[in-house]
């Protein structure tokens, strides 16, 4: 898991075991919303 924080924004990238799946969540506190991304 990797968490990046810059100002009011946060990006979390997680690699799930056994499924070769990467999940990305972006928390935009200034816009008061979450974005979940499944790139594959």
ModelCIF file with pLDDT and N, C-alpha, C, O atoms, coordinates in Angstrom:
data_MODEL
#
_entry.id   MODEL 
#
_entity.id                         1 
_entity.type                       polymer 
_entity.pdbx_number_of_molecules   1 
#
_entity_poly.entity_id                      1 
_entity_poly.type                           'polypeptide(L)' 
_entity_poly.nstd_linkage                   no 
_entity_poly.nstd_monomer                   no 
_entity_poly.pdbx_seq_one_letter_code       
;(UNK)(UNK)(UNK)(UNK)(UNK)(UNK)(UNK)(UNK)(UNK)(UNK)(UNK)(UNK)(UNK)(UNK)(UNK)(UNK)
(UNK)(UNK)(UNK)(UNK)(UNK)(UNK)(UNK)(UNK)(UNK)(UNK)(UNK)(UNK)(UNK)(UNK)(UNK)(UNK)
(UNK)(UNK)(UNK)(UNK)(UNK)(UNK)(UNK)(UNK)
;
_entity_poly.pdbx_seq_one_letter_code_can   XXXXXXXXXXXXXXXXXXXXXXXXXXXXXXXXXXXXXXXX 
_entity_poly.pdbx_strand_id                 A 
#
loop_
_entity_poly_seq.entity_id 
_entity_poly_seq.num 
_entity_poly_seq.mon_id 
_entity_poly_seq.hetero 
1 1  UNK n 
1 2  UNK n 
1 3  UNK n 
1 4  UNK n 
1 5  UNK n 
1 6  UNK n 
1 7  UNK n 
1 8  UNK n 
1 9  UNK n 
1 10 UNK n 
1 11 UNK n 
1 12 UNK n 
1 13 UNK n 
1 14 UNK n 
1 15 UNK n 
1 16 UNK n 
1 17 UNK n 
1 18 UNK n 
1 19 UNK n 
1 20 UNK n 
1 21 UNK n 
1 22 UNK n 
1 23 UNK n 
1 24 UNK n 
1 25 UNK n 
1 26 UNK n 
1 27 UNK n 
1 28 UNK n 
1 29 UNK n 
1 30 UNK n 
1 31 UNK n 
1 32 UNK n 
1 33 UNK n 
1 34 UNK n 
1 35 UNK n 
1 36 UNK n 
1 37 UNK n 
1 38 UNK n 
1 39 UNK n 
1 40 UNK n 
#
_struct_asym.id          A 
_struct_asym.entity_id   1 
#
loop_
_ma_qa_metric.id 
_ma_qa_metric.mode 
_ma_qa_metric.name 
_ma_qa_metric.software_group_id 
_ma_qa_metric.type 
1 global pLDDT . pLDDT 
2 local  pLDDT . pLDDT 
#
_ma_qa_metric_global.metric_id      1 
_ma_qa_metric_global.metric_value   88.35 
_ma_qa_metric_global.model_id       1 
_ma_qa_metric_global.ordinal_id     1 
#
loop_
_ma_qa_metric_local.label_asym_id 
_ma_qa_metric_local.label_comp_id 
_ma_qa_metric_local.label_seq_id 
_ma_qa_metric_local.metric_id 
_ma_qa_metric_local.metric_value 
_ma_qa_metric_local.model_id 
_ma_qa_metric_local.ordinal_id 
A UNK 1  2 91.00 1 1  
A UNK 2  2 92.00 1 2  
A UNK 3  2 93.00 1 3  
A UNK 4  2 93.00 1 4  
A UNK 5  2 92.00 1 5  
A UNK 6  2 91.00 1 6  
A UNK 7  2 88.00 1 7  
A UNK 8  2 89.00 1 8  
A UNK 9  2 92.00 1 9  
A UNK 10 2 94.00 1 10 
A UNK 11 2 94.00 1 11 
A UNK 12 2 94.00 1 12 
A UNK 13 2 92.00 1 13 
A UNK 14 2 90.00 1 14 
A UNK 15 2 82.00 1 15 
A UNK 16 2 76.00 1 16 
A UNK 17 2 70.00 1 17 
A UNK 18 2 69.00 1 18 
A UNK 19 2 72.00 1 19 
A UNK 20 2 73.00 1 20 
A UNK 21 2 79.00 1 21 
A UNK 22 2 84.00 1 22 
A UNK 23 2 88.00 1 23 
A UNK 24 2 93.00 1 24 
A UNK 25 2 94.00 1 25 
A UNK 26 2 95.00 1 26 
A UNK 27 2 94.00 1 27 
A UNK 28 2 93.00 1 28 
A UNK 29 2 91.00 1 29 
A UNK 30 2 91.00 1 30 
A UNK 31 2 92.00 1 31 
A UNK 32 2 92.00 1 32 
A UNK 33 2 94.00 1 33 
A UNK 34 2 95.00 1 34 
A UNK 35 2 95.00 1 35 
A UNK 36 2 94.00 1 36 
A UNK 37 2 92.00 1 37 
A UNK 38 2 88.00 1 38 
A UNK 39 2 82.00 1 39 
A UNK 40 2 81.00 1 40 
#
loop_
_atom_site.group_PDB 
_atom_site.id 
_atom_site.type_symbol 
_atom_site.label_atom_id 
_atom_site.label_alt_id 
_atom_site.label_comp_id 
_atom_site.label_asym_id 
_atom_site.label_entity_id 
_atom_site.label_seq_id 
_atom_site.pdbx_PDB_ins_code 
_atom_site.Cartn_x 
_atom_site.Cartn_y 
_atom_site.Cartn_z 
_atom_site.occupancy 
_atom_site.B_iso_or_equiv 
_atom_site.pdbx_formal_charge 
_atom_site.auth_seq_id 
_atom_site.auth_comp_id 
_atom_site.auth_asym_id 
_atom_site.auth_atom_id 
_atom_site.pdbx_PDB_model_num 
ATOM 1   N N  . UNK A 1 1  ? 0.851   -1.181  0.000   1.00 91.00 ? 1  UNK A N  1 
ATOM 2   C CA . UNK A 1 1  ? 0.000   0.000   0.000   1.00 91.00 ? 1  UNK A CA 1 
ATOM 3   C C  . UNK A 1 1  ? 0.890   1.235   0.000   1.00 91.00 ? 1  UNK A C  1 
ATOM 4   O O  . UNK A 1 1  ? 1.889   1.292   0.718   1.00 91.00 ? 1  UNK A O  1 
ATOM 5   N N  . UNK A 1 2  ? 0.521   2.223   -0.810  1.00 92.00 ? 2  UNK A N  1 
ATOM 6   C CA . UNK A 1 2  ? 1.237   3.488   -0.863  1.00 92.00 ? 2  UNK A CA 1 
ATOM 7   C C  . UNK A 1 2  ? 0.221   4.612   -0.731  1.00 92.00 ? 2  UNK A C  1 
ATOM 8   O O  . UNK A 1 2  ? -0.793  4.631   -1.429  1.00 92.00 ? 2  UNK A O  1 
ATOM 9   N N  . UNK A 1 3  ? 0.500   5.546   0.168   1.00 93.00 ? 3  UNK A N  1 
ATOM 10  C CA . UNK A 1 3  ? -0.372  6.700   0.386   1.00 93.00 ? 3  UNK A CA 1 
ATOM 11  C C  . UNK A 1 3  ? 0.431   7.950   0.036   1.00 93.00 ? 3  UNK A C  1 
ATOM 12  O O  . UNK A 1 3  ? 1.531   8.156   0.548   1.00 93.00 ? 3  UNK A O  1 
ATOM 13  N N  . UNK A 1 4  ? -0.129  8.776   -0.835  1.00 93.00 ? 4  UNK A N  1 
ATOM 14  C CA . UNK A 1 4  ? 0.464   10.054  -1.203  1.00 93.00 ? 4  UNK A CA 1 
ATOM 15  C C  . UNK A 1 4  ? -0.456  11.150  -0.674  1.00 93.00 ? 4  UNK A C  1 
ATOM 16  O O  . UNK A 1 4  ? -1.665  11.102  -0.897  1.00 93.00 ? 4  UNK A O  1 
ATOM 17  N N  . UNK A 1 5  ? 0.106   12.135  0.024   1.00 92.00 ? 5  UNK A N  1 
ATOM 18  C CA . UNK A 1 5  ? -0.692  13.252  0.525   1.00 92.00 ? 5  UNK A CA 1 
ATOM 19  C C  . UNK A 1 5  ? -0.037  14.544  0.069   1.00 92.00 ? 5  UNK A C  1 
ATOM 20  O O  . UNK A 1 5  ? 1.160   14.757  0.262   1.00 92.00 ? 5  UNK A O  1 
ATOM 21  N N  . UNK A 1 6  ? -0.838  15.393  -0.533  1.00 91.00 ? 6  UNK A N  1 
ATOM 22  C CA . UNK A 1 6  ? -0.370  16.701  -0.984  1.00 91.00 ? 6  UNK A CA 1 
ATOM 23  C C  . UNK A 1 6  ? -1.509  17.687  -0.763  1.00 91.00 ? 6  UNK A C  1 
ATOM 24  O O  . UNK A 1 6  ? -2.543  17.621  -1.428  1.00 91.00 ? 6  UNK A O  1 
ATOM 25  N N  . UNK A 1 7  ? -1.304  18.596  0.174   1.00 88.00 ? 7  UNK A N  1 
ATOM 26  C CA . UNK A 1 7  ? -2.346  19.579  0.490   1.00 88.00 ? 7  UNK A CA 1 
ATOM 27  C C  . UNK A 1 7  ? -3.619  18.882  0.939   1.00 88.00 ? 7  UNK A C  1 
ATOM 28  O O  . UNK A 1 7  ? -3.566  17.995  1.791   1.00 88.00 ? 7  UNK A O  1 
ATOM 29  N N  . UNK A 1 8  ? -4.771  19.269  0.378   1.00 89.00 ? 8  UNK A N  1 
ATOM 30  C CA . UNK A 1 8  ? -6.044  18.664  0.795   1.00 89.00 ? 8  UNK A CA 1 
ATOM 31  C C  . UNK A 1 8  ? -6.382  17.377  0.033   1.00 89.00 ? 8  UNK A C  1 
ATOM 32  O O  . UNK A 1 8  ? -7.510  16.890  0.115   1.00 89.00 ? 8  UNK A O  1 
ATOM 33  N N  . UNK A 1 9  ? -5.414  16.825  -0.705  1.00 92.00 ? 9  UNK A N  1 
ATOM 34  C CA . UNK A 1 9  ? -5.683  15.634  -1.515  1.00 92.00 ? 9  UNK A CA 1 
ATOM 35  C C  . UNK A 1 9  ? -4.848  14.454  -1.027  1.00 92.00 ? 9  UNK A C  1 
ATOM 36  O O  . UNK A 1 9  ? -3.727  14.617  -0.545  1.00 92.00 ? 9  UNK A O  1 
ATOM 37  N N  . UNK A 1 10 ? -5.426  13.265  -1.165  1.00 94.00 ? 10 UNK A N  1 
ATOM 38  C CA . UNK A 1 10 ? -4.758  12.035  -0.744  1.00 94.00 ? 10 UNK A CA 1 
ATOM 39  C C  . UNK A 1 10 ? -5.039  10.940  -1.767  1.00 94.00 ? 10 UNK A C  1 
ATOM 40  O O  . UNK A 1 10 ? -6.181  10.745  -2.182  1.00 94.00 ? 10 UNK A O  1 
ATOM 41  N N  . UNK A 1 11 ? -3.992  10.231  -2.168  1.00 94.00 ? 11 UNK A N  1 
ATOM 42  C CA . UNK A 1 11 ? -4.132  9.119   -3.116  1.00 94.00 ? 11 UNK A CA 1 
ATOM 43  C C  . UNK A 1 11 ? -3.601  7.862   -2.439  1.00 94.00 ? 11 UNK A C  1 
ATOM 44  O O  . UNK A 1 11 ? -2.478  7.848   -1.935  1.00 94.00 ? 11 UNK A O  1 
ATOM 45  N N  . UNK A 1 12 ? -4.410  6.811   -2.429  1.00 94.00 ? 12 UNK A N  1 
ATOM 46  C CA . UNK A 1 12 ? -4.015  5.541   -1.838  1.00 94.00 ? 12 UNK A CA 1 
ATOM 47  C C  . UNK A 1 12 ? -4.022  4.478   -2.929  1.00 94.00 ? 12 UNK A C  1 
ATOM 48  O O  . UNK A 1 12 ? -5.031  4.273   -3.603  1.00 94.00 ? 12 UNK A O  1 
ATOM 49  N N  . UNK A 1 13 ? -2.887  3.806   -3.094  1.00 92.00 ? 13 UNK A N  1 
ATOM 50  C CA . UNK A 1 13 ? -2.761  2.723   -4.074  1.00 92.00 ? 13 UNK A CA 1 
ATOM 51  C C  . UNK A 1 13 ? -2.509  1.439   -3.301  1.00 92.00 ? 13 UNK A C  1 
ATOM 52  O O  . UNK A 1 13 ? -1.603  1.373   -2.470  1.00 92.00 ? 13 UNK A O  1 
ATOM 53  N N  . UNK A 1 14 ? -3.314  0.420   -3.578  1.00 90.00 ? 14 UNK A N  1 
ATOM 54  C CA . UNK A 1 14 ? -3.154  -0.863  -2.891  1.00 90.00 ? 14 UNK A CA 1 
ATOM 55  C C  . UNK A 1 14 ? -3.117  -1.982  -3.907  1.00 90.00 ? 14 UNK A C  1 
ATOM 56  O O  . UNK A 1 14 ? -3.895  -2.005  -4.860  1.00 90.00 ? 14 UNK A O  1 
ATOM 57  N N  . UNK A 1 15 ? -2.197  -2.914  -3.690  1.00 82.00 ? 15 UNK A N  1 
ATOM 58  C CA . UNK A 1 15 ? -2.115  -4.113  -4.507  1.00 82.00 ? 15 UNK A CA 1 
ATOM 59  C C  . UNK A 1 15 ? -2.660  -5.264  -3.688  1.00 82.00 ? 15 UNK A C  1 
ATOM 60  O O  . UNK A 1 15 ? -2.131  -5.577  -2.622  1.00 82.00 ? 15 UNK A O  1 
ATOM 61  N N  . UNK A 1 16 ? -3.714  -5.896  -4.180  1.00 76.00 ? 16 UNK A N  1 
ATOM 62  C CA . UNK A 1 16 ? -4.367  -6.965  -3.440  1.00 76.00 ? 16 UNK A CA 1 
ATOM 63  C C  . UNK A 1 16 ? -3.701  -8.302  -3.744  1.00 76.00 ? 16 UNK A C  1 
ATOM 64  O O  . UNK A 1 16 ? -3.412  -8.604  -4.902  1.00 76.00 ? 16 UNK A O  1 
ATOM 65  N N  . UNK A 1 17 ? -3.458  -9.107  -2.704  1.00 70.00 ? 17 UNK A N  1 
ATOM 66  C CA . UNK A 1 17 ? -2.753  -10.372 -2.906  1.00 70.00 ? 17 UNK A CA 1 
ATOM 67  C C  . UNK A 1 17 ? -3.609  -11.406 -3.627  1.00 70.00 ? 17 UNK A C  1 
ATOM 68  O O  . UNK A 1 17 ? -4.824  -11.475 -3.438  1.00 70.00 ? 17 UNK A O  1 
ATOM 69  N N  . UNK A 1 18 ? -2.952  -12.199 -4.450  1.00 69.00 ? 18 UNK A N  1 
ATOM 70  C CA . UNK A 1 18 ? -3.618  -13.326 -5.095  1.00 69.00 ? 18 UNK A CA 1 
ATOM 71  C C  . UNK A 1 18 ? -4.486  -12.959 -6.274  1.00 69.00 ? 18 UNK A C  1 
ATOM 72  O O  . UNK A 1 18 ? -4.828  -13.831 -7.072  1.00 69.00 ? 18 UNK A O  1 
ATOM 73  N N  . UNK A 1 19 ? -4.855  -11.697 -6.414  1.00 72.00 ? 19 UNK A N  1 
ATOM 74  C CA . UNK A 1 19 ? -5.748  -11.305 -7.498  1.00 72.00 ? 19 UNK A CA 1 
ATOM 75  C C  . UNK A 1 19 ? -5.047  -10.430 -8.532  1.00 72.00 ? 19 UNK A C  1 
ATOM 76  O O  . UNK A 1 19 ? -5.628  -10.122 -9.572  1.00 72.00 ? 19 UNK A O  1 
ATOM 77  N N  . UNK A 1 20 ? -3.801  -10.024 -8.261  1.00 73.00 ? 20 UNK A N  1 
ATOM 78  C CA . UNK A 1 20 ? -3.054  -9.144  -9.144  1.00 73.00 ? 20 UNK A CA 1 
ATOM 79  C C  . UNK A 1 20 ? -3.914  -7.930  -9.513  1.00 73.00 ? 20 UNK A C  1 
ATOM 80  O O  . UNK A 1 20 ? -3.993  -7.545  -10.679 1.00 73.00 ? 20 UNK A O  1 
ATOM 81  N N  . UNK A 1 21 ? -4.544  -7.343  -8.517  1.00 79.00 ? 21 UNK A N  1 
ATOM 82  C CA . UNK A 1 21 ? -5.467  -6.235  -8.707  1.00 79.00 ? 21 UNK A CA 1 
ATOM 83  C C  . UNK A 1 21 ? -4.938  -5.019  -7.956  1.00 79.00 ? 21 UNK A C  1 
ATOM 84  O O  . UNK A 1 21 ? -4.553  -5.118  -6.791  1.00 79.00 ? 21 UNK A O  1 
ATOM 85  N N  . UNK A 1 22 ? -4.922  -3.876  -8.631  1.00 84.00 ? 22 UNK A N  1 
ATOM 86  C CA . UNK A 1 22 ? -4.519  -2.637  -7.967  1.00 84.00 ? 22 UNK A CA 1 
ATOM 87  C C  . UNK A 1 22 ? -5.744  -1.755  -7.804  1.00 84.00 ? 22 UNK A C  1 
ATOM 88  O O  . UNK A 1 22 ? -6.481  -1.506  -8.758  1.00 84.00 ? 22 UNK A O  1 
ATOM 89  N N  . UNK A 1 23 ? -5.947  -1.287  -6.578  1.00 88.00 ? 23 UNK A N  1 
ATOM 90  C CA . UNK A 1 23 ? -7.078  -0.424  -6.272  1.00 88.00 ? 23 UNK A CA 1 
ATOM 91  C C  . UNK A 1 23 ? -6.538  0.952   -5.919  1.00 88.00 ? 23 UNK A C  1 
ATOM 92  O O  . UNK A 1 23 ? -5.606  1.068   -5.123  1.00 88.00 ? 23 UNK A O  1 
ATOM 93  N N  . UNK A 1 24 ? -7.118  2.000   -6.504  1.00 93.00 ? 24 UNK A N  1 
ATOM 94  C CA . UNK A 1 24 ? -6.685  3.367   -6.262  1.00 93.00 ? 24 UNK A CA 1 
ATOM 95  C C  . UNK A 1 24 ? -7.868  4.159   -5.719  1.00 93.00 ? 24 UNK A C  1 
ATOM 96  O O  . UNK A 1 24 ? -8.961  4.124   -6.285  1.00 93.00 ? 24 UNK A O  1 
ATOM 97  N N  . UNK A 1 25 ? -7.645  4.869   -4.628  1.00 94.00 ? 25 UNK A N  1 
ATOM 98  C CA . UNK A 1 25 ? -8.660  5.741   -4.054  1.00 94.00 ? 25 UNK A CA 1 
ATOM 99  C C  . UNK A 1 25 ? -8.063  7.131   -3.926  1.00 94.00 ? 25 UNK A C  1 
ATOM 100 O O  . UNK A 1 25 ? -6.969  7.297   -3.387  1.00 94.00 ? 25 UNK A O  1 
ATOM 101 N N  . UNK A 1 26 ? -8.786  8.131   -4.425  1.00 95.00 ? 26 UNK A N  1 
ATOM 102 C CA . UNK A 1 26 ? -8.356  9.519   -4.303  1.00 95.00 ? 26 UNK A CA 1 
ATOM 103 C C  . UNK A 1 26 ? -9.374  10.238  -3.424  1.00 95.00 ? 26 UNK A C  1 
ATOM 104 O O  . UNK A 1 26 ? -10.573 10.234  -3.704  1.00 95.00 ? 26 UNK A O  1 
ATOM 105 N N  . UNK A 1 27 ? -8.875  10.849  -2.368  1.00 94.00 ? 27 UNK A N  1 
ATOM 106 C CA . UNK A 1 27 ? -9.731  11.599  -1.451  1.00 94.00 ? 27 UNK A CA 1 
ATOM 107 C C  . UNK A 1 27 ? -9.459  13.082  -1.699  1.00 94.00 ? 27 UNK A C  1 
ATOM 108 O O  . UNK A 1 27 ? -8.369  13.584  -1.424  1.00 94.00 ? 27 UNK A O  1 
ATOM 109 N N  . UNK A 1 28 ? -10.471 13.770  -2.224  1.00 93.00 ? 28 UNK A N  1 
ATOM 110 C CA . UNK A 1 28 ? -10.363 15.195  -2.500  1.00 93.00 ? 28 UNK A CA 1 
ATOM 111 C C  . UNK A 1 28 ? -11.117 15.945  -1.402  1.00 93.00 ? 28 UNK A C  1 
ATOM 112 O O  . UNK A 1 28 ? -12.309 16.223  -1.533  1.00 93.00 ? 28 UNK A O  1 
ATOM 113 N N  . UNK A 1 29 ? -10.415 16.265  -0.329  1.00 91.00 ? 29 UNK A N  1 
ATOM 114 C CA . UNK A 1 29 ? -11.066 16.899  0.823   1.00 91.00 ? 29 UNK A CA 1 
ATOM 115 C C  . UNK A 1 29 ? -11.577 18.294  0.472   1.00 91.00 ? 29 UNK A C  1 
ATOM 116 O O  . UNK A 1 29 ? -12.596 18.728  1.008   1.00 91.00 ? 29 UNK A O  1 
ATOM 117 N N  . UNK A 1 30 ? -10.882 19.002  -0.423  1.00 91.00 ? 30 UNK A N  1 
ATOM 118 C CA . UNK A 1 30 ? -11.336 20.337  -0.794  1.00 91.00 ? 30 UNK A CA 1 
ATOM 119 C C  . UNK A 1 30 ? -12.639 20.288  -1.590  1.00 91.00 ? 30 UNK A C  1 
ATOM 120 O O  . UNK A 1 30 ? -13.434 21.225  -1.521  1.00 91.00 ? 30 UNK A O  1 
ATOM 121 N N  . UNK A 1 31 ? -12.870 19.222  -2.338  1.00 92.00 ? 31 UNK A N  1 
ATOM 122 C CA . UNK A 1 31 ? -14.118 19.057  -3.090  1.00 92.00 ? 31 UNK A CA 1 
ATOM 123 C C  . UNK A 1 31 ? -15.111 18.149  -2.370  1.00 92.00 ? 31 UNK A C  1 
ATOM 124 O O  . UNK A 1 31 ? -16.216 17.918  -2.861  1.00 92.00 ? 31 UNK A O  1 
ATOM 125 N N  . UNK A 1 32 ? -14.713 17.632  -1.198  1.00 92.00 ? 32 UNK A N  1 
ATOM 126 C CA . UNK A 1 32 ? -15.546 16.773  -0.357  1.00 92.00 ? 32 UNK A CA 1 
ATOM 127 C C  . UNK A 1 32 ? -16.076 15.559  -1.125  1.00 92.00 ? 32 UNK A C  1 
ATOM 128 O O  . UNK A 1 32 ? -17.281 15.315  -1.175  1.00 92.00 ? 32 UNK A O  1 
ATOM 129 N N  . UNK A 1 33 ? -15.140 14.798  -1.727  1.00 94.00 ? 33 UNK A N  1 
ATOM 130 C CA . UNK A 1 33 ? -15.540 13.598  -2.455  1.00 94.00 ? 33 UNK A CA 1 
ATOM 131 C C  . UNK A 1 33 ? -14.392 12.592  -2.518  1.00 94.00 ? 33 UNK A C  1 
ATOM 132 O O  . UNK A 1 33 ? -13.219 12.939  -2.380  1.00 94.00 ? 33 UNK A O  1 
ATOM 133 N N  . UNK A 1 34 ? -14.775 11.337  -2.732  1.00 95.00 ? 34 UNK A N  1 
ATOM 134 C CA . UNK A 1 34 ? -13.836 10.234  -2.943  1.00 95.00 ? 34 UNK A CA 1 
ATOM 135 C C  . UNK A 1 34 ? -13.975 9.751   -4.372  1.00 95.00 ? 34 UNK A C  1 
ATOM 136 O O  . UNK A 1 34 ? -15.070 9.745   -4.934  1.00 95.00 ? 34 UNK A O  1 
ATOM 137 N N  . UNK A 1 35 ? -12.849 9.344   -4.958  1.00 95.00 ? 35 UNK A N  1 
ATOM 138 C CA . UNK A 1 35 ? -12.858 8.743   -6.289  1.00 95.00 ? 35 UNK A CA 1 
ATOM 139 C C  . UNK A 1 35 ? -12.179 7.385   -6.163  1.00 95.00 ? 35 UNK A C  1 
ATOM 140 O O  . UNK A 1 35 ? -11.048 7.294   -5.686  1.00 95.00 ? 35 UNK A O  1 
ATOM 141 N N  . UNK A 1 36 ? -12.864 6.341   -6.586  1.00 94.00 ? 36 UNK A N  1 
ATOM 142 C CA . UNK A 1 36 ? -12.295 4.993   -6.592  1.00 94.00 ? 36 UNK A CA 1 
ATOM 143 C C  . UNK A 1 36 ? -12.038 4.611   -8.046  1.00 94.00 ? 36 UNK A C  1 
ATOM 144 O O  . UNK A 1 36 ? -12.915 4.758   -8.897  1.00 94.00 ? 36 UNK A O  1 
ATOM 145 N N  . UNK A 1 37 ? -10.829 4.118   -8.327  1.00 92.00 ? 37 UNK A N  1 
ATOM 146 C CA . UNK A 1 37 ? -10.429 3.820   -9.694  1.00 92.00 ? 37 UNK A CA 1 
ATOM 147 C C  . UNK A 1 37 ? -10.002 2.363   -9.805  1.00 92.00 ? 37 UNK A C  1 
ATOM 148 O O  . UNK A 1 37 ? -9.211  1.871   -9.001  1.00 92.00 ? 37 UNK A O  1 
ATOM 149 N N  . UNK A 1 38 ? -10.537 1.681   -10.815 1.00 88.00 ? 38 UNK A N  1 
ATOM 150 C CA . UNK A 1 38 ? -10.086 0.341   -11.183 1.00 88.00 ? 38 UNK A CA 1 
ATOM 151 C C  . UNK A 1 38 ? -9.517  0.477   -12.592 1.00 88.00 ? 38 UNK A C  1 
ATOM 152 O O  . UNK A 1 38 ? -10.250 0.443   -13.580 1.00 88.00 ? 38 UNK A O  1 
ATOM 153 N N  . UNK A 1 39 ? -8.193  0.632   -12.662 1.00 82.00 ? 39 UNK A N  1 
ATOM 154 C CA . UNK A 1 39 ? -7.546  0.917   -13.935 1.00 82.00 ? 39 UNK A CA 1 
ATOM 155 C C  . UNK A 1 39 ? -7.621  -0.260  -14.904 1.00 82.00 ? 39 UNK A C  1 
ATOM 156 O O  . UNK A 1 39 ? -7.752  -0.058  -16.111 1.00 82.00 ? 39 UNK A O  1 
ATOM 157 N N  . UNK A 1 40 ? -7.539  -1.486  -14.388 1.00 81.00 ? 40 UNK A N  1 
ATOM 158 C CA . UNK A 1 40 ? -7.563  -2.649  -15.284 1.00 81.00 ? 40 UNK A CA 1 
ATOM 159 C C  . UNK A 1 40 ? -8.917  -2.799  -15.967 1.00 81.00 ? 40 UNK A C  1 
ATOM 160 O O  . UNK A 1 40 ? -9.112  -3.725  -16.754 1.00 81.00 ? 40 UNK A O  1 
#
